[in-house]
Every structure is written in structure tokens, then in C-alpha cells.
Protein backbone atom coordinates (compact mmCIF):
# COMPACT_ATOMS: atom_id res chain seq x y z
CA MET A 1 94.36 141.66 129.72
CA ASN A 2 91.05 143.02 128.36
CA THR A 3 88.02 141.26 129.74
CA PRO A 4 84.86 141.43 127.65
CA PRO A 5 81.94 143.14 129.37
CA PRO A 6 79.20 140.92 130.77
CA PRO A 7 76.16 140.48 128.56
CA GLN A 8 73.38 142.98 129.08
CA ALA A 9 70.27 141.53 130.64
CA SER A 10 66.94 142.35 129.11
CA ARG A 11 64.49 144.53 131.00
CA GLY A 12 62.16 141.60 131.29
CA SER A 13 64.78 139.35 132.84
CA VAL A 14 65.80 142.09 135.30
CA ARG A 15 62.15 142.61 136.30
CA THR A 16 61.78 138.84 136.80
CA ALA A 17 64.92 138.67 138.95
CA VAL A 18 63.74 141.57 141.12
CA LEU A 19 60.38 139.95 141.69
CA ALA A 20 62.04 136.63 142.55
CA ALA A 21 64.32 138.31 145.05
CA ALA A 22 61.38 140.05 146.70
CA LEU A 23 59.50 136.78 146.94
CA CYS A 24 62.56 135.17 148.60
CA LEU A 25 62.64 137.90 151.22
CA LEU A 26 58.94 137.51 151.94
CA LEU A 27 59.20 133.77 152.33
CA ALA A 28 62.57 133.95 154.14
CA GLY A 29 63.47 130.76 152.38
CA CYS A 30 66.36 131.62 150.03
CA SER A 31 70.09 131.61 150.57
CA GLY A 32 72.65 133.81 148.87
CA PHE A 33 75.29 131.03 148.98
CA GLY A 34 76.18 128.52 146.30
CA GLY A 35 78.26 128.03 143.21
CA SER A 36 81.49 129.13 144.93
CA GLY A 37 83.24 125.75 145.05
CA LEU A 38 83.00 125.67 148.87
CA ASP A 39 81.59 122.81 150.92
CA THR A 40 77.84 123.14 150.38
CA SER A 41 77.06 121.60 153.77
CA ALA A 42 79.19 124.27 155.43
CA ASP A 43 77.35 126.91 153.34
CA ALA A 44 74.04 125.52 154.56
CA ASP A 45 75.22 125.67 158.17
CA ALA A 46 76.40 129.23 157.72
CA ALA A 47 73.05 130.21 156.19
CA ALA A 48 71.21 128.62 159.09
CA GLY A 49 73.40 130.50 161.53
CA ALA A 50 72.73 133.75 159.69
CA GLN A 51 68.97 133.17 159.88
CA SER A 52 69.09 132.57 163.65
CA GLY A 53 71.40 135.55 164.06
CA ARG A 54 73.76 133.72 166.41
CA THR A 55 76.61 131.28 165.95
CA LYS A 56 76.94 128.53 168.57
CA VAL A 57 80.44 127.60 169.74
CA ALA A 58 81.41 125.07 172.41
CA LEU A 59 84.67 125.46 174.34
CA ILE A 60 85.58 122.12 175.94
CA THR A 61 88.69 121.71 178.07
CA HIS A 62 90.35 119.29 180.47
CA GLY A 63 90.43 121.95 183.22
CA GLY A 64 89.82 120.78 186.76
CA GLN A 65 87.49 122.47 189.20
CA GLY A 66 88.97 125.40 191.11
CA ASP A 67 91.87 125.93 188.71
CA SER A 68 92.11 129.69 188.17
CA PHE A 69 94.01 129.17 184.92
CA TRP A 70 90.81 128.16 183.15
CA ASP A 71 89.01 131.23 184.45
CA LEU A 72 91.45 133.26 182.35
CA VAL A 73 90.84 131.05 179.30
CA GLN A 74 87.09 131.53 179.72
CA LYS A 75 87.38 135.30 180.08
CA GLY A 76 89.25 135.54 176.82
CA ALA A 77 86.78 133.24 175.07
CA ARG A 78 83.79 135.21 176.33
CA ALA A 79 85.35 138.50 175.26
CA ALA A 80 85.71 137.15 171.71
CA ALA A 81 82.19 135.72 171.80
CA ALA A 82 80.75 139.08 172.86
CA LYS A 83 82.61 140.85 170.05
CA ASP A 84 81.54 138.33 167.40
CA GLY A 85 77.93 137.82 168.49
CA ILE A 86 78.53 134.17 169.42
CA ASP A 87 76.54 132.02 171.82
CA LEU A 88 79.36 130.37 173.78
CA THR A 89 79.08 127.38 176.06
CA TYR A 90 81.93 126.18 178.27
CA ALA A 91 82.35 122.69 179.68
CA SER A 92 85.31 120.85 181.17
CA ASP A 93 86.33 117.60 182.76
CA SER A 94 89.80 116.42 183.76
CA ASP A 95 88.74 112.82 183.04
CA PRO A 96 89.57 112.27 179.34
CA VAL A 97 86.66 109.87 178.85
CA LYS A 98 84.22 112.44 180.22
CA GLN A 99 85.81 115.24 178.22
CA ALA A 100 85.36 113.13 175.10
CA GLN A 101 81.68 112.70 175.96
CA LEU A 102 81.32 116.48 176.28
CA VAL A 103 82.63 116.85 172.74
CA ARG A 104 80.15 114.24 171.47
CA GLU A 105 77.31 116.09 173.22
CA ALA A 106 78.36 119.31 171.47
CA VAL A 107 78.25 117.46 168.15
CA ASP A 108 74.76 116.15 168.98
CA ASP A 109 73.71 119.72 169.81
CA LYS A 110 74.75 120.73 166.28
CA VAL A 111 76.99 123.58 167.38
CA ASP A 112 78.66 125.67 164.68
CA GLY A 113 82.19 125.21 166.01
CA ILE A 114 84.19 123.49 168.74
CA ALA A 115 87.37 124.62 170.50
CA VAL A 116 89.01 121.77 172.41
CA THR A 117 92.13 120.95 174.40
CA LEU A 118 94.09 117.78 173.63
CA ALA A 119 95.71 117.02 176.98
CA LYS A 120 95.04 113.34 176.32
CA PRO A 121 95.04 113.30 172.50
CA GLN A 122 94.08 109.66 172.00
CA ALA A 123 90.85 110.14 173.96
CA MET A 124 89.83 113.05 171.73
CA LYS A 125 90.51 111.28 168.43
CA GLY A 126 87.07 109.69 168.08
CA PRO A 127 84.90 112.65 169.08
CA VAL A 128 86.95 115.06 166.93
CA ALA A 129 86.40 112.71 163.97
CA ASP A 130 82.66 112.73 164.76
CA ALA A 131 82.66 116.53 164.69
CA LYS A 132 84.45 116.59 161.34
CA ALA A 133 82.02 114.05 159.90
CA ALA A 134 79.16 116.32 161.00
CA GLY A 135 80.75 119.27 159.20
CA ILE A 136 81.63 121.08 162.45
CA PRO A 137 84.96 122.96 162.38
CA VAL A 138 87.27 122.19 165.31
CA VAL A 139 90.25 124.18 166.58
CA GLY A 140 92.68 123.31 169.36
CA LEU A 141 94.11 125.32 172.20
CA ASN A 142 96.45 124.97 175.16
CA SER A 143 97.34 121.28 174.89
CA GLY A 144 98.14 119.04 171.96
CA ILE A 145 100.59 121.00 169.85
CA ASP A 146 102.04 117.71 168.55
CA ALA A 147 98.65 116.14 167.83
CA TRP A 148 96.33 118.79 166.38
CA ARG A 149 97.35 118.40 162.74
CA SER A 150 97.25 114.60 162.73
CA GLN A 151 93.75 114.71 164.21
CA GLY A 152 92.56 117.13 161.54
CA LEU A 153 91.98 120.24 163.61
CA LEU A 154 91.90 123.46 161.60
CA GLU A 155 94.13 125.59 163.83
CA TYR A 156 95.98 125.55 167.14
CA PHE A 157 96.61 128.29 169.71
CA GLY A 158 99.01 127.74 172.57
CA GLN A 159 102.54 127.36 173.78
CA ASP A 160 105.16 124.94 172.52
CA GLU A 161 105.61 123.25 175.89
CA SER A 162 108.83 121.48 174.97
CA LEU A 163 110.34 124.77 173.83
CA ALA A 164 109.15 126.48 177.01
CA GLY A 165 110.63 123.74 179.16
CA ARG A 166 113.98 124.03 177.41
CA ALA A 167 113.94 127.78 177.99
CA VAL A 168 113.36 127.16 181.72
CA GLY A 169 116.29 124.73 181.77
CA ASP A 170 118.53 127.40 180.27
CA ARG A 171 117.35 129.91 182.86
CA LEU A 172 118.07 127.49 185.71
CA ASP A 173 121.60 127.18 184.39
CA ALA A 174 121.84 130.96 184.34
CA VAL A 175 120.98 131.19 188.07
CA LYS A 176 123.45 128.34 188.76
CA ALA A 177 120.90 125.86 190.09
CA LYS A 178 122.15 122.29 190.57
CA HIS A 179 119.17 120.06 191.43
CA ALA A 180 115.64 120.77 190.20
CA LEU A 181 112.45 119.09 191.38
CA CYS A 182 109.84 119.31 188.59
CA VAL A 183 106.35 118.82 190.06
CA ILE A 184 103.80 117.29 187.65
CA HIS A 185 100.26 117.73 188.95
CA GLU A 186 98.45 115.56 186.35
CA ARG A 187 99.99 112.28 185.23
CA GLY A 188 99.72 111.62 181.50
CA ASN A 189 98.96 115.22 180.51
CA VAL A 190 101.13 115.60 177.41
CA ALA A 191 101.67 119.33 177.92
CA LEU A 192 102.87 118.95 181.51
CA GLU A 193 105.10 116.01 180.68
CA ALA A 194 106.63 118.01 177.81
CA ARG A 195 107.46 120.90 180.12
CA CYS A 196 109.48 118.81 182.55
CA ALA A 197 111.08 116.84 179.71
CA GLY A 198 112.15 120.14 178.17
CA VAL A 199 113.68 121.31 181.45
CA LYS A 200 115.61 118.07 181.71
CA LYS A 201 116.86 118.35 178.15
CA THR A 202 118.69 121.66 178.59
CA PHE A 203 119.34 121.94 182.33
CA THR A 204 122.88 120.76 183.02
CA GLY A 205 122.10 119.93 186.64
CA GLN A 206 119.95 117.08 187.94
CA THR A 207 116.22 117.08 187.10
CA GLU A 208 113.92 114.96 189.23
CA MET A 209 110.19 114.43 188.53
CA LEU A 210 107.61 114.38 191.30
CA TYR A 211 104.04 113.32 190.47
CA VAL A 212 101.31 114.71 192.72
CA GLU A 213 97.51 114.84 192.75
CA GLY A 214 96.81 118.38 191.61
CA THR A 215 93.18 118.42 192.72
CA GLU A 216 94.31 118.27 196.37
CA LEU A 217 96.60 121.17 197.27
CA ASN A 218 97.14 119.83 200.79
CA ALA A 219 98.43 116.60 199.28
CA VAL A 220 100.69 118.59 196.93
CA ASP A 221 102.08 120.52 199.89
CA ALA A 222 102.72 117.35 201.86
CA ALA A 223 104.45 115.59 198.96
CA VAL A 224 106.75 118.51 198.10
CA THR A 225 107.57 119.14 201.76
CA ALA A 226 108.48 115.49 202.27
CA GLN A 227 110.70 115.44 199.19
CA LEU A 228 112.55 118.58 200.26
CA ARG A 229 113.14 117.20 203.73
CA GLN A 230 114.36 113.91 202.30
CA ASP A 231 116.81 115.51 199.85
CA PRO A 232 118.38 118.81 200.99
CA SER A 233 120.37 119.00 197.75
CA ILE A 234 117.25 120.15 195.88
CA ASP A 235 117.82 123.85 195.27
CA GLU A 236 115.02 124.56 192.78
CA VAL A 237 111.35 123.60 192.74
CA VAL A 238 109.69 123.98 189.32
CA THR A 239 105.90 123.84 189.34
CA LEU A 240 103.58 123.74 186.33
CA GLY A 241 100.78 126.00 187.55
CA ALA A 242 100.48 129.23 189.51
CA GLN A 243 98.60 127.78 192.49
CA PHE A 244 101.15 124.98 192.81
CA ALA A 245 103.96 127.52 192.95
CA LEU A 246 102.29 129.29 195.87
CA THR A 247 101.87 125.92 197.57
CA ALA A 248 105.54 125.11 196.93
CA VAL A 249 106.57 128.38 198.60
CA GLU A 250 104.86 127.15 201.76
CA SER A 251 106.45 123.71 201.35
CA VAL A 252 109.91 125.27 201.19
CA LYS A 253 109.23 127.16 204.42
CA ALA A 254 107.78 124.11 206.19
CA SER A 255 110.70 121.87 205.23
CA GLY A 256 113.41 124.35 206.16
CA SER A 257 114.80 124.04 202.63
CA LYS A 258 116.75 126.79 200.90
CA ALA A 259 115.31 125.89 197.51
CA LYS A 260 114.00 128.56 195.16
CA VAL A 261 110.64 128.29 193.39
CA ALA A 262 109.96 128.91 189.70
CA THR A 263 106.81 128.13 187.77
CA PHE A 264 104.88 127.94 184.57
CA ASP A 265 101.72 130.05 184.32
CA LEU A 266 100.58 133.23 185.96
CA ASP A 267 97.70 134.77 187.89
CA LYS A 268 97.23 137.82 190.11
CA ASP A 269 98.40 136.03 193.27
CA LEU A 270 101.48 134.73 191.50
CA VAL A 271 102.28 138.26 190.28
CA LYS A 272 102.51 139.37 193.91
CA ALA A 273 104.75 136.40 194.76
CA VAL A 274 107.12 137.33 191.91
CA ARG A 275 107.10 140.97 192.95
CA ASP A 276 107.88 140.00 196.57
CA GLY A 277 110.67 137.65 195.51
CA ASP A 278 108.96 134.47 196.78
CA VAL A 279 108.91 133.08 193.22
CA GLN A 280 111.90 133.61 190.93
CA PHE A 281 110.01 133.76 187.65
CA ALA A 282 106.89 132.59 185.84
CA VAL A 283 106.45 131.40 182.27
CA ASP A 284 103.35 133.10 180.90
CA GLN A 285 101.55 131.27 178.08
CA GLN A 286 98.74 133.87 178.10
CA PRO A 287 95.61 131.75 178.69
CA TYR A 288 93.27 134.71 178.10
CA LEU A 289 94.76 135.02 174.62
CA GLN A 290 94.35 131.30 173.96
CA GLY A 291 90.64 131.41 174.72
CA TYR A 292 90.12 134.61 172.76
CA LEU A 293 91.96 133.46 169.65
CA ALA A 294 90.31 130.02 169.58
CA VAL A 295 86.76 131.42 169.61
CA ASP A 296 87.56 134.31 167.28
CA ALA A 297 89.23 131.90 164.85
CA LEU A 298 86.05 129.85 164.52
CA TRP A 299 84.06 133.01 163.76
CA LEU A 300 86.62 134.14 161.18
CA TYR A 301 86.63 130.71 159.55
CA ARG A 302 82.85 130.59 159.27
CA THR A 303 82.41 134.18 158.10
CA ASN A 304 85.51 134.69 155.96
CA GLY A 305 87.26 131.34 155.47
CA ASN A 306 90.35 132.46 157.40
CA LEU A 307 92.89 129.96 158.77
CA SER A 308 95.54 131.27 161.16
CA GLY A 309 98.94 129.79 160.42
CA GLY A 310 97.55 128.60 157.13
CA GLY A 311 96.21 125.55 158.94
CA VAL A 312 99.71 124.05 159.03
CA ALA A 313 101.53 126.04 161.75
CA PRO A 314 100.46 126.68 165.35
CA VAL A 315 99.89 130.18 166.64
CA LEU A 316 102.20 130.48 169.65
CA THR A 317 101.04 132.42 172.72
CA GLY A 318 104.20 131.83 174.77
CA PRO A 319 106.61 131.43 176.41
CA ALA A 320 107.15 134.85 177.97
CA PHE A 321 109.12 135.16 181.21
CA VAL A 322 107.75 137.31 184.00
CA THR A 323 110.41 138.25 186.54
CA ARG A 324 110.82 140.76 189.33
CA THR A 325 112.26 143.24 186.85
CA ASN A 326 109.28 143.27 184.47
CA VAL A 327 106.37 142.10 186.61
CA ALA A 328 105.02 145.65 187.01
CA ALA A 329 104.21 145.72 183.29
CA VAL A 330 101.63 142.92 183.64
CA ALA A 331 100.48 143.54 187.22
CA ARG A 332 97.50 145.74 186.34
CA PHE A 333 96.26 143.26 183.74
CA ALA A 334 96.59 140.41 186.25
CA ALA A 335 94.64 142.45 188.79
CA ALA A 336 91.84 142.78 186.23
CA GLY A 337 91.83 138.99 185.78
CA THR A 338 93.10 138.91 182.20
CA ARG A 339 96.75 137.83 182.75
């Protein structure tokens, strides 16, 4: 199709346009955005960010203090922030009410983007809506794969926990386990509940849930030890975090049980336990990748309008099984604190 050439501008109009552009630069008061059909408020925010030279992003999670998993998430997020020239702030609280308040504070601070976990989706509904009303893009990570779209988040990065749990159930069948104890370290966390429910769905043996207080490892040890002593038929302990697996290894020893230990999640200490045979396998959801992708996605959305998964499908970061046969492949990355 032949497109007619654009009309030629007169010399006078060109001279006028050049002078106007120069005046804009001197006054630093003009924006090159507009007329594109995009949200003008978002264009204004982007222009403001360009003038300051830095984009502000808040990463807000439900991570508890002392949980090494969230150190990996933060490392990935900070690596993306450094690459993209982003001012990143991190805040967390395992109390859903307090986490919700952290999101509202980020909205009040007029950040340019928010990455949030939805471990307790209902608690996040209000503050996420506040962020959207303020024109702040929000992406999800780690928890809330069944809630992110209904709450209007742009993208999601994480593991399908139900799928991962079912894969663990299949693996327990493969090693001929008969009675699994699935240890949930945070009651009501939708991701953790989905993991154990997934195990129960595919594992042909008996699956028993044990709720413990994950912020107190001594209490976790005592509870698992007591359960193993009470029921010698338990031949598999499935934990939902690397530090809890290491605790369960000690519980098995203390109780005199012959149970094996398997876990979700990975860190450098867990890598050694897998290599030594103390833990059968770990399900790696790649937390470093979750943090990296979430922050990078906000930058890409603001600078180029990109939406991973088209805004309708999650970007899966797991599950990947780490066993004694392949643990060497990830050991050096774990030692560097990125796996």
C-alpha cells in the first residue's frame, strides 16, 4: 500500500519548532509524552521519574525475620534494581494486617511500582486496590498464584504450589514411602497449604498435616520429634522450607525414627544436606529469580509497556528437583547466595 508523504513544513514553522524545543530544554518543563492513547497519568509519572533520573520500586513480602529464603529474593531484586537504575526499598511482615499497612505506606510515598506477595490474599485486596487507584503498577511474586489476576495485578512470578505438591507426591510414590508427615510452618498461608494439599492429592500413601510455629525452630523441632515418637509408621517428613528440613533431620535423629526428609526450597546449607544424603531432595522455586523478575518487570512495564505472560498467565519459576545426582550443578550458585 502506498502511503502519501507527510506534508512539508515551511522554513518558518521549522524555525519556530526549533526555538520552542530549545526553550523547553532551558526551562526543563516540557514532556515528550502525549497523544499515544496511553494512560496520561502513567505518562506523567514516567516523565517525573525520568526527570529525577531514578524509578522508585517497593518490594513488600510476608517474609519472617531470620528466614534465609527472603535473603535470596532480595538479592535477585537488588541485582535487577542495580541493572535498571531503580531505587529499591524492601519491607516485610508476616502479619497480614501489617503487611497491608506497608503497601499503603508505599502508595503514600508515591512509589513508581510495587512488587508484593499474596500469602494472605484477602488482606492485600484493599491496599492493592489503593495502589491501582493511585496509578501505581503492581506485580505479584512467590505467593498468590490463584489470586493475582482477580486482584488486578499486572503479572505474577512464582511456582504453582499445587503442581509442585503433586509432583512431590508422585516422587514419594516412586521411593515407595507409605506415611508422610507434611509440616506447615505458617497456618493460613495459601502457598504452604497448597503444597501439602498437592502432596496429599497424588501420594497414594497416608498424608498427615502438622502445623508448627515457624518463627521458633526449637518449637518446630520439639513438635516434629514428638510426632515421630508417637507414630513410628511415619517414614517421610516433608517440610516447606530449607531451615525446617535441617531441623527435621535433627528431629529424626532425636526420635530414633527411620523416616526420610524431603523439602521444598533450597539454600547453601540445604545443598550440603542433599549432597550428604541427609535430605532426599529439595524442590527449588528459585527465589532469586522471583525477586529479579518482579523488579525487572516493573521497569520494563514503565519503560516499554511490556507484560510478561501477556498479563493473563503466570511466569513459573519452579518446580525443579534438586537431588544427590544433580546437586553439584547448583552448589556453586548456592555458595554464592543466589540459589
